[in-house]
Amino acid sequence: MTSATEILHTIQSHGGQLWLVDGERLRYRLPESLRSMVDVLREHKGEIIELLAQRPAMPAGVRLVSWSPEAAPVQLSRCETVTDTEKFIRTTLMQLAARLRGKDWLDGGWGLSGLLARLEACGCHVALDSPREALQ
């Protein structure tokens, strides 16, 4: 394993998490099976931080499962095409944050499952930390 992308994929595919705090400090949660990767993380810290900094910030209660933005244009429905995938993802994440805070008037009229599906269609797979709470 030499690239930050490979390291990130390995950790996430085994249920681990990597994230940035204040845009510059790397934090992680690793399963027991990957504890030996701490040294690899230290060795490639700069590359990993750079890679994570390119990703959008997640709203409270939402974690990024995988990030592989589709190349534009992305066809969401027969009448809806996304021409700037990353901007669309950031906007949809803001709508999701509003929905989770109960500010339905700011979510663009989309339900929770609709927002999650729109993100997934563009290559941003997320999971809710407390899905039952979010549905109430």
N, C-alpha and C. Protein backbone atom coordinates (compact mmCIF):
# COMPACT_ATOMS: atom_id res chain seq x y z
N MET A 1 0.85 -1.19 0.00
CA MET A 1 0.00 0.00 0.00
C MET A 1 0.89 1.24 0.00
N THR A 2 0.73 2.04 -1.03
CA THR A 2 1.58 3.22 -1.06
C THR A 2 0.81 4.52 -1.22
N SER A 3 -0.35 4.46 -1.83
CA SER A 3 -1.04 5.72 -2.06
C SER A 3 -2.08 5.98 -0.97
N ALA A 4 -2.35 7.25 -0.76
CA ALA A 4 -3.35 7.66 0.23
C ALA A 4 -4.72 7.09 -0.12
N THR A 5 -5.03 7.03 -1.40
CA THR A 5 -6.31 6.49 -1.84
C THR A 5 -6.45 5.02 -1.45
N GLU A 6 -5.39 4.24 -1.64
CA GLU A 6 -5.41 2.83 -1.27
C GLU A 6 -5.56 2.65 0.24
N ILE A 7 -4.84 3.46 0.99
CA ILE A 7 -4.91 3.40 2.45
C ILE A 7 -6.32 3.70 2.92
N LEU A 8 -6.88 4.77 2.39
CA LEU A 8 -8.24 5.18 2.75
C LEU A 8 -9.24 4.09 2.40
N HIS A 9 -9.13 3.52 1.21
CA HIS A 9 -10.04 2.46 0.78
C HIS A 9 -9.94 1.24 1.71
N THR A 10 -8.73 0.84 2.05
CA THR A 10 -8.53 -0.31 2.93
C THR A 10 -9.18 -0.07 4.29
N ILE A 11 -8.96 1.08 4.85
CA ILE A 11 -9.53 1.38 6.17
C ILE A 11 -11.05 1.42 6.12
N GLN A 12 -11.60 2.10 5.13
CA GLN A 12 -13.05 2.21 5.04
C GLN A 12 -13.71 0.88 4.71
N SER A 13 -13.08 0.07 3.88
CA SER A 13 -13.68 -1.22 3.53
C SER A 13 -13.68 -2.20 4.70
N HIS A 14 -12.86 -1.94 5.71
CA HIS A 14 -12.84 -2.77 6.91
C HIS A 14 -13.61 -2.14 8.07
N GLY A 15 -14.36 -1.08 7.78
CA GLY A 15 -15.18 -0.46 8.81
C GLY A 15 -14.50 0.62 9.61
N GLY A 16 -13.31 1.01 9.23
CA GLY A 16 -12.61 2.09 9.93
C GLY A 16 -13.04 3.46 9.40
N GLN A 17 -12.63 4.48 10.10
CA GLN A 17 -12.98 5.85 9.69
C GLN A 17 -11.77 6.75 9.79
N LEU A 18 -11.68 7.69 8.85
CA LEU A 18 -10.66 8.74 8.86
C LEU A 18 -11.38 10.06 8.64
N TRP A 19 -11.00 11.10 9.37
CA TRP A 19 -11.59 12.40 9.17
C TRP A 19 -10.62 13.48 9.62
N LEU A 20 -10.92 14.71 9.21
CA LEU A 20 -10.10 15.86 9.59
C LEU A 20 -10.80 16.67 10.65
N VAL A 21 -10.01 17.22 11.55
CA VAL A 21 -10.51 18.16 12.55
C VAL A 21 -9.85 19.50 12.24
N ASP A 22 -10.66 20.53 12.12
CA ASP A 22 -10.17 21.87 11.78
C ASP A 22 -9.39 21.90 10.48
N GLY A 23 -9.68 20.96 9.58
CA GLY A 23 -9.08 20.94 8.27
C GLY A 23 -7.61 20.57 8.22
N GLU A 24 -7.02 20.21 9.38
CA GLU A 24 -5.58 19.94 9.35
C GLU A 24 -5.13 18.80 10.27
N ARG A 25 -5.96 18.39 11.19
CA ARG A 25 -5.57 17.31 12.10
C ARG A 25 -6.29 16.03 11.72
N LEU A 26 -5.52 14.98 11.51
CA LEU A 26 -6.06 13.69 11.10
C LEU A 26 -6.50 12.90 12.33
N ARG A 27 -7.72 12.40 12.28
CA ARG A 27 -8.26 11.54 13.34
C ARG A 27 -8.72 10.25 12.68
N TYR A 28 -8.72 9.18 13.45
CA TYR A 28 -9.11 7.89 12.89
C TYR A 28 -9.70 6.98 13.96
N ARG A 29 -10.50 6.03 13.48
CA ARG A 29 -11.00 4.90 14.27
C ARG A 29 -10.71 3.66 13.44
N LEU A 30 -9.92 2.78 14.00
CA LEU A 30 -9.54 1.58 13.28
C LEU A 30 -10.07 0.35 13.99
N PRO A 31 -10.55 -0.63 13.22
CA PRO A 31 -10.90 -1.90 13.86
C PRO A 31 -9.62 -2.59 14.33
N GLU A 32 -9.74 -3.51 15.26
CA GLU A 32 -8.58 -4.23 15.80
C GLU A 32 -7.72 -4.83 14.71
N SER A 33 -8.36 -5.34 13.66
CA SER A 33 -7.61 -6.00 12.59
C SER A 33 -6.68 -5.05 11.83
N LEU A 34 -6.89 -3.74 11.96
CA LEU A 34 -6.06 -2.76 11.25
C LEU A 34 -5.20 -1.91 12.18
N ARG A 35 -5.08 -2.29 13.43
CA ARG A 35 -4.27 -1.50 14.38
C ARG A 35 -2.83 -1.31 13.90
N SER A 36 -2.33 -2.26 13.14
CA SER A 36 -0.94 -2.17 12.65
C SER A 36 -0.77 -1.05 11.62
N MET A 37 -1.87 -0.48 11.14
CA MET A 37 -1.79 0.57 10.11
C MET A 37 -1.48 1.96 10.68
N VAL A 38 -1.39 2.08 11.99
CA VAL A 38 -1.11 3.38 12.59
C VAL A 38 0.20 3.96 12.04
N ASP A 39 1.22 3.12 11.92
CA ASP A 39 2.50 3.60 11.38
C ASP A 39 2.37 4.03 9.92
N VAL A 40 1.55 3.30 9.14
CA VAL A 40 1.31 3.66 7.74
C VAL A 40 0.61 5.02 7.67
N LEU A 41 -0.35 5.23 8.57
CA LEU A 41 -1.05 6.52 8.61
C LEU A 41 -0.08 7.65 8.92
N ARG A 42 0.80 7.44 9.86
CA ARG A 42 1.79 8.47 10.21
C ARG A 42 2.71 8.77 9.03
N GLU A 43 3.12 7.71 8.35
CA GLU A 43 4.04 7.85 7.22
C GLU A 43 3.41 8.64 6.06
N HIS A 44 2.11 8.46 5.83
CA HIS A 44 1.42 9.09 4.70
C HIS A 44 0.45 10.18 5.15
N LYS A 45 0.66 10.72 6.33
CA LYS A 45 -0.27 11.68 6.91
C LYS A 45 -0.54 12.87 5.99
N GLY A 46 0.47 13.46 5.43
CA GLY A 46 0.30 14.63 4.56
C GLY A 46 -0.57 14.34 3.35
N GLU A 47 -0.32 13.21 2.71
CA GLU A 47 -1.11 12.82 1.53
C GLU A 47 -2.57 12.55 1.90
N ILE A 48 -2.75 11.89 3.04
CA ILE A 48 -4.11 11.55 3.48
C ILE A 48 -4.88 12.82 3.83
N ILE A 49 -4.24 13.75 4.51
CA ILE A 49 -4.89 15.02 4.85
C ILE A 49 -5.28 15.76 3.58
N GLU A 50 -4.38 15.79 2.61
CA GLU A 50 -4.67 16.45 1.33
C GLU A 50 -5.87 15.81 0.63
N LEU A 51 -5.93 14.48 0.64
CA LEU A 51 -7.03 13.75 0.02
C LEU A 51 -8.35 14.03 0.75
N LEU A 52 -8.34 13.98 2.07
CA LEU A 52 -9.55 14.22 2.84
C LEU A 52 -10.03 15.67 2.74
N ALA A 53 -9.10 16.60 2.56
CA ALA A 53 -9.46 18.01 2.46
C ALA A 53 -10.26 18.30 1.19
N GLN A 54 -10.17 17.43 0.19
CA GLN A 54 -10.90 17.62 -1.06
C GLN A 54 -12.36 17.21 -0.93
N ARG A 55 -12.70 16.54 0.15
CA ARG A 55 -14.06 16.04 0.34
C ARG A 55 -14.90 17.06 1.10
N PRO A 56 -16.21 17.05 0.87
CA PRO A 56 -17.06 18.00 1.58
C PRO A 56 -17.21 17.62 3.05
N ALA A 57 -17.45 18.64 3.87
CA ALA A 57 -17.70 18.40 5.30
C ALA A 57 -19.07 17.76 5.46
N MET A 58 -19.16 16.82 6.37
CA MET A 58 -20.42 16.13 6.62
C MET A 58 -21.21 16.84 7.72
N PRO A 59 -22.52 16.90 7.56
CA PRO A 59 -23.35 17.48 8.62
C PRO A 59 -23.27 16.62 9.88
N ALA A 60 -23.62 17.20 11.01
CA ALA A 60 -23.66 16.45 12.26
C ALA A 60 -24.60 15.28 12.11
N GLY A 61 -24.16 14.11 12.58
CA GLY A 61 -24.99 12.92 12.50
C GLY A 61 -24.89 12.16 11.19
N VAL A 62 -24.01 12.61 10.30
CA VAL A 62 -23.84 11.96 9.00
C VAL A 62 -22.36 11.62 8.84
N ARG A 63 -22.08 10.42 8.36
CA ARG A 63 -20.69 10.07 8.09
C ARG A 63 -20.54 9.63 6.63
N LEU A 64 -19.43 9.97 6.07
CA LEU A 64 -19.13 9.62 4.69
C LEU A 64 -18.71 8.16 4.63
N VAL A 65 -19.39 7.37 3.82
CA VAL A 65 -19.06 5.96 3.65
C VAL A 65 -18.08 5.80 2.51
N SER A 66 -18.37 6.43 1.38
CA SER A 66 -17.42 6.40 0.26
C SER A 66 -17.59 7.67 -0.57
N TRP A 67 -16.50 8.06 -1.17
CA TRP A 67 -16.46 9.29 -1.96
C TRP A 67 -15.84 8.98 -3.31
N SER A 68 -16.67 8.91 -4.31
CA SER A 68 -16.20 8.72 -5.68
C SER A 68 -17.15 9.47 -6.61
N PRO A 69 -17.02 10.81 -6.63
CA PRO A 69 -17.95 11.62 -7.42
C PRO A 69 -17.98 11.21 -8.88
N GLU A 70 -19.18 11.10 -9.40
CA GLU A 70 -19.37 10.78 -10.81
C GLU A 70 -18.96 11.98 -11.66
N ALA A 71 -18.47 11.70 -12.83
CA ALA A 71 -18.14 12.77 -13.77
C ALA A 71 -19.45 13.34 -14.34
N ALA A 72 -19.51 14.65 -14.43
CA ALA A 72 -20.71 15.30 -14.98
C ALA A 72 -20.74 15.06 -16.49
N PRO A 73 -21.89 15.01 -17.07
CA PRO A 73 -23.21 15.19 -16.47
C PRO A 73 -23.74 13.88 -15.86
N VAL A 74 -24.50 14.04 -14.77
CA VAL A 74 -25.13 12.91 -14.10
C VAL A 74 -26.64 13.06 -14.28
N GLN A 75 -27.26 12.05 -14.82
CA GLN A 75 -28.71 12.07 -15.05
C GLN A 75 -29.40 11.51 -13.80
N LEU A 76 -30.13 12.36 -13.06
CA LEU A 76 -30.83 11.92 -11.86
C LEU A 76 -32.22 11.37 -12.19
N SER A 77 -32.88 12.02 -13.07
CA SER A 77 -34.19 11.57 -13.53
C SER A 77 -34.32 12.00 -14.99
N ARG A 78 -35.44 11.71 -15.56
CA ARG A 78 -35.62 12.05 -16.98
C ARG A 78 -35.46 13.54 -17.23
N CYS A 79 -35.83 14.35 -16.26
CA CYS A 79 -35.81 15.80 -16.47
C CYS A 79 -34.77 16.52 -15.61
N GLU A 80 -33.87 15.78 -14.99
CA GLU A 80 -32.92 16.42 -14.08
C GLU A 80 -31.50 15.92 -14.34
N THR A 81 -30.63 16.86 -14.72
CA THR A 81 -29.24 16.54 -15.02
C THR A 81 -28.33 17.42 -14.16
N VAL A 82 -27.33 16.80 -13.54
CA VAL A 82 -26.36 17.53 -12.73
C VAL A 82 -25.15 17.84 -13.61
N THR A 83 -24.79 19.12 -13.70
CA THR A 83 -23.66 19.51 -14.53
C THR A 83 -22.40 19.82 -13.71
N ASP A 84 -22.54 20.06 -12.41
CA ASP A 84 -21.40 20.29 -11.51
C ASP A 84 -21.60 19.38 -10.31
N THR A 85 -21.04 18.19 -10.38
CA THR A 85 -21.29 17.15 -9.38
C THR A 85 -20.90 17.58 -7.98
N GLU A 86 -19.69 18.12 -7.81
CA GLU A 86 -19.23 18.48 -6.47
C GLU A 86 -20.07 19.59 -5.86
N LYS A 87 -20.46 20.58 -6.65
CA LYS A 87 -21.33 21.64 -6.14
C LYS A 87 -22.70 21.07 -5.76
N PHE A 88 -23.21 20.17 -6.58
CA PHE A 88 -24.50 19.53 -6.30
C PHE A 88 -24.43 18.75 -4.99
N ILE A 89 -23.34 18.01 -4.78
CA ILE A 89 -23.18 17.23 -3.55
C ILE A 89 -23.14 18.15 -2.34
N ARG A 90 -22.38 19.24 -2.41
CA ARG A 90 -22.30 20.17 -1.28
C ARG A 90 -23.68 20.78 -0.97
N THR A 91 -24.41 21.16 -2.00
CA THR A 91 -25.74 21.73 -1.81
C THR A 91 -26.69 20.70 -1.20
N THR A 92 -26.63 19.48 -1.70
CA THR A 92 -27.50 18.43 -1.19
C THR A 92 -27.16 18.10 0.26
N LEU A 93 -25.87 18.16 0.62
CA LEU A 93 -25.48 17.95 2.02
C LEU A 93 -26.04 19.05 2.92
N MET A 94 -26.09 20.28 2.42
CA MET A 94 -26.69 21.37 3.19
C MET A 94 -28.19 21.11 3.38
N GLN A 95 -28.85 20.62 2.33
CA GLN A 95 -30.28 20.29 2.43
C GLN A 95 -30.48 19.14 3.44
N LEU A 96 -29.59 18.16 3.41
CA LEU A 96 -29.67 17.05 4.35
C LEU A 96 -29.49 17.54 5.78
N ALA A 97 -28.55 18.43 5.99
CA ALA A 97 -28.33 19.00 7.33
C ALA A 97 -29.58 19.71 7.82
N ALA A 98 -30.21 20.47 6.93
CA ALA A 98 -31.45 21.18 7.29
C ALA A 98 -32.54 20.19 7.66
N ARG A 99 -32.68 19.14 6.86
CA ARG A 99 -33.71 18.12 7.12
C ARG A 99 -33.47 17.47 8.48
N LEU A 100 -32.21 17.15 8.80
CA LEU A 100 -31.89 16.50 10.07
C LEU A 100 -32.10 17.42 11.27
N ARG A 101 -32.00 18.72 11.05
CA ARG A 101 -32.25 19.68 12.13
C ARG A 101 -33.72 20.03 12.24
N GLY A 102 -34.56 19.45 11.38
CA GLY A 102 -35.99 19.73 11.43
C GLY A 102 -36.39 21.01 10.73
N LYS A 103 -35.51 21.56 9.93
CA LYS A 103 -35.79 22.79 9.19
C LYS A 103 -36.22 22.41 7.78
N ASP A 104 -37.41 21.80 7.72
CA ASP A 104 -37.90 21.25 6.46
C ASP A 104 -38.01 22.27 5.34
N TRP A 105 -38.21 23.52 5.67
CA TRP A 105 -38.35 24.54 4.63
C TRP A 105 -37.03 24.81 3.90
N LEU A 106 -35.91 24.31 4.45
CA LEU A 106 -34.61 24.52 3.82
C LEU A 106 -34.09 23.29 3.07
N ASP A 107 -34.88 22.22 3.06
CA ASP A 107 -34.38 20.98 2.47
C ASP A 107 -34.75 20.83 1.00
N GLY A 108 -35.31 21.84 0.41
CA GLY A 108 -35.64 21.80 -1.01
C GLY A 108 -36.85 20.95 -1.34
N GLY A 109 -37.62 20.60 -0.33
CA GLY A 109 -38.80 19.79 -0.55
C GLY A 109 -38.50 18.31 -0.70
N TRP A 110 -37.27 17.92 -0.40
CA TRP A 110 -36.87 16.52 -0.53
C TRP A 110 -36.98 15.83 0.82
N GLY A 111 -37.45 14.61 0.81
CA GLY A 111 -37.46 13.79 2.01
C GLY A 111 -36.08 13.24 2.27
N LEU A 112 -35.91 12.65 3.42
CA LEU A 112 -34.62 12.10 3.81
C LEU A 112 -34.13 11.05 2.82
N SER A 113 -34.97 10.11 2.46
CA SER A 113 -34.53 9.06 1.52
C SER A 113 -34.22 9.64 0.14
N GLY A 114 -34.96 10.66 -0.27
CA GLY A 114 -34.69 11.30 -1.56
C GLY A 114 -33.34 11.99 -1.58
N LEU A 115 -32.99 12.67 -0.49
CA LEU A 115 -31.69 13.34 -0.40
C LEU A 115 -30.55 12.33 -0.42
N LEU A 116 -30.72 11.24 0.32
CA LEU A 116 -29.69 10.21 0.35
C LEU A 116 -29.51 9.57 -1.02
N ALA A 117 -30.61 9.34 -1.72
CA ALA A 117 -30.55 8.76 -3.07
C ALA A 117 -29.87 9.71 -4.05
N ARG A 118 -30.14 11.00 -3.93
CA ARG A 118 -29.51 11.99 -4.82
C ARG A 118 -28.00 12.02 -4.61
N LEU A 119 -27.58 11.95 -3.36
CA LEU A 119 -26.15 11.92 -3.06
C LEU A 119 -25.50 10.66 -3.65
N GLU A 120 -26.16 9.53 -3.43
CA GLU A 120 -25.63 8.27 -3.91
C GLU A 120 -25.51 8.26 -5.44
N ALA A 121 -26.48 8.82 -6.12
CA ALA A 121 -26.46 8.86 -7.59
C ALA A 121 -25.26 9.64 -8.11
N CYS A 122 -24.76 10.57 -7.30
CA CYS A 122 -23.61 11.38 -7.71
C CYS A 122 -22.28 10.84 -7.17
N GLY A 123 -22.32 9.71 -6.46
CA GLY A 123 -21.08 9.10 -5.98
C GLY A 123 -20.68 9.45 -4.58
N CYS A 124 -21.58 10.02 -3.80
CA CYS A 124 -21.30 10.36 -2.41
C CYS A 124 -22.20 9.48 -1.53
N HIS A 125 -21.62 8.43 -0.97
CA HIS A 125 -22.39 7.49 -0.16
C HIS A 125 -22.21 7.85 1.30
N VAL A 126 -23.31 8.13 1.97
CA VAL A 126 -23.27 8.52 3.38
C VAL A 126 -24.15 7.59 4.20
N ALA A 127 -23.93 7.63 5.51
CA ALA A 127 -24.76 6.87 6.43
C ALA A 127 -25.11 7.79 7.60
N LEU A 128 -26.28 7.58 8.14
CA LEU A 128 -26.72 8.36 9.30
C LEU A 128 -26.26 7.65 10.56
N ASP A 129 -25.73 8.40 11.52
CA ASP A 129 -25.29 7.81 12.77
C ASP A 129 -26.47 7.23 13.55
N SER A 130 -27.61 7.90 13.51
CA SER A 130 -28.82 7.44 14.21
C SER A 130 -29.99 7.47 13.26
N PRO A 131 -30.11 6.47 12.37
CA PRO A 131 -31.18 6.50 11.37
C PRO A 131 -32.58 6.55 11.96
N ARG A 132 -32.80 5.87 13.05
CA ARG A 132 -34.15 5.89 13.66
C ARG A 132 -34.53 7.28 14.15
N GLU A 133 -33.58 7.96 14.76
CA GLU A 133 -33.85 9.33 15.23
C GLU A 133 -34.16 10.24 14.05
N ALA A 134 -33.42 10.08 12.97
CA ALA A 134 -33.59 10.95 11.80
C ALA A 134 -34.97 10.76 11.16
N LEU A 135 -35.52 9.57 11.27
CA LEU A 135 -36.82 9.29 10.65
C LEU A 135 -37.98 9.77 11.49
N GLN A 136 -37.74 10.14 12.73
CA GLN A 136 -38.84 10.60 13.59
C GLN A 136 -39.13 12.05 13.39
